Amino acid sequence: MFKKSDVFIILAVMISFVVSAYLWFVIQDREQAIFTAIWVPSIFTFGIYFKLCALMSTKR
């Protein structure tokens, strides 16, 4: 169902989200928390891009 690369991308997103929440609620460093939260959609975007590239290369 999930490939190893999919698990790594989801794990990276989860780690980024947890670090962002930790910075926001525990450390109270709002700027660093927002900066880290911006990584979540970026990691998803790269994951989707690499997944589409892999799918396109197998169909040829």
C-alpha atoms as a PDB file:
ATOM      1  CA  MET A   1       0.000   0.000   0.000  1.00  0.00           C
ATOM      2  CA  PHE A   2       2.553   2.589   1.119  1.00  0.00           C
ATOM      3  CA  LYS A   3       6.074   2.596  -0.232  1.00  0.00           C
ATOM      4  CA  LYS A   4       9.029   3.321   1.978  1.00  0.00           C
ATOM      5  CA  SER A   5       9.404   6.758   0.388  1.00  0.00           C
ATOM      6  CA  ASP A   6       5.776   7.600   1.230  1.00  0.00           C
ATOM      7  CA  VAL A   7       6.371   6.713   4.855  1.00  0.00           C
ATOM      8  CA  PHE A   8       9.472   8.925   4.979  1.00  0.00           C
ATOM      9  CA  ILE A   9       7.569  11.888   3.557  1.00  0.00           C
ATOM     10  CA  ILE A  10       4.693  11.459   6.007  1.00  0.00           C
ATOM     11  CA  LEU A  11       7.193  11.060   8.845  1.00  0.00           C
ATOM     12  CA  ALA A  12       8.984  14.260   7.822  1.00  0.00           C
ATOM     13  CA  VAL A  13       5.674  16.132   7.745  1.00  0.00           C
ATOM     14  CA  MET A  14       4.702  14.814  11.160  1.00  0.00           C
ATOM     15  CA  ILE A  15       8.073  15.749  12.660  1.00  0.00           C
ATOM     16  CA  SER A  16       7.841  19.239  11.199  1.00  0.00           C
ATOM     17  CA  PHE A  17       4.326  19.672  12.574  1.00  0.00           C
ATOM     18  CA  VAL A  18       5.282  18.443  16.046  1.00  0.00           C
ATOM     19  CA  VAL A  19       8.349  20.688  16.170  1.00  0.00           C
ATOM     20  CA  SER A  20       6.243  23.636  15.075  1.00  0.00           C
ATOM     21  CA  ALA A  21       3.616  22.950  17.739  1.00  0.00           C
ATOM     22  CA  TYR A  22       6.343  22.541  20.359  1.00  0.00           C
ATOM     23  CA  LEU A  23       7.897  25.856  19.404  1.00  0.00           C
ATOM     24  CA  TRP A  24       4.502  27.595  19.432  1.00  0.00           C
ATOM     25  CA  PHE A  25       3.038  26.223  22.671  1.00  0.00           C
ATOM     26  CA  VAL A  26       6.024  25.253  24.831  1.00  0.00           C
ATOM     27  CA  ILE A  27       8.877  27.543  23.849  1.00  0.00           C
ATOM     28  CA  GLN A  28       6.551  30.436  22.906  1.00  0.00           C
ATOM     29  CA  ASP A  29       8.778  31.348  19.948  1.00  0.00           C
ATOM     30  CA  ARG A  30       6.126  32.366  17.424  1.00  0.00           C
ATOM     31  CA  GLU A  31       8.441  33.290  14.540  1.00  0.00           C
ATOM     32  CA  GLN A  32      10.331  30.000  14.588  1.00  0.00           C
ATOM     33  CA  ALA A  33       7.063  28.082  14.919  1.00  0.00           C
ATOM     34  CA  ILE A  34       5.570  29.776  11.858  1.00  0.00           C
ATOM     35  CA  PHE A  35       8.784  29.226   9.895  1.00  0.00           C
ATOM     36  CA  THR A  36       8.754  25.532  10.778  1.00  0.00           C
ATOM     37  CA  ALA A  37       5.034  25.237   9.983  1.00  0.00           C
ATOM     38  CA  ILE A  38       5.711  26.498   6.453  1.00  0.00           C
ATOM     39  CA  TRP A  39       7.771  23.339   5.877  1.00  0.00           C
ATOM     40  CA  VAL A  40       4.689  21.091   6.049  1.00  0.00           C
ATOM     41  CA  PRO A  41       3.125  22.063   2.683  1.00  0.00           C
ATOM     42  CA  SER A  42       6.589  22.301   1.125  1.00  0.00           C
ATOM     43  CA  ILE A  43       7.434  18.726   2.113  1.00  0.00           C
ATOM     44  CA  PHE A  44       4.048  17.524   0.836  1.00  0.00           C
ATOM     45  CA  THR A  45       4.626  19.347  -2.447  1.00  0.00           C
ATOM     46  CA  PHE A  46       8.022  17.775  -2.962  1.00  0.00           C
ATOM     47  CA  GLY A  47       6.582  14.376  -2.075  1.00  0.00           C
ATOM     48  CA  ILE A  48       3.781  14.721  -4.605  1.00  0.00           C
ATOM     49  CA  TYR A  49       6.221  15.920  -7.256  1.00  0.00           C
ATOM     50  CA  PHE A  50       8.576  12.969  -6.760  1.00  0.00           C
ATOM     51  CA  LYS A  51       5.650  10.547  -6.662  1.00  0.00           C
ATOM     52  CA  LEU A  52       4.308  11.914  -9.967  1.00  0.00           C
ATOM     53  CA  CYS A  53       7.769  11.708 -11.526  1.00  0.00           C
ATOM     54  CA  ALA A  54       8.027   8.082 -10.464  1.00  0.00           C
ATOM     55  CA  LEU A  55       4.569   7.294 -11.829  1.00  0.00           C
ATOM     56  CA  MET A  56       5.305   9.006 -15.157  1.00  0.00           C
ATOM     57  CA  SER A  57       8.575   7.106 -15.581  1.00  0.00           C
ATOM     58  CA  THR A  58       6.894   3.721 -15.005  1.00  0.00           C
ATOM     59  CA  LYS A  59       4.184   4.383 -17.612  1.00  0.00           C
ATOM     60  CA  ARG A  60       6.683   4.945 -20.403  1.00  0.00           C
END
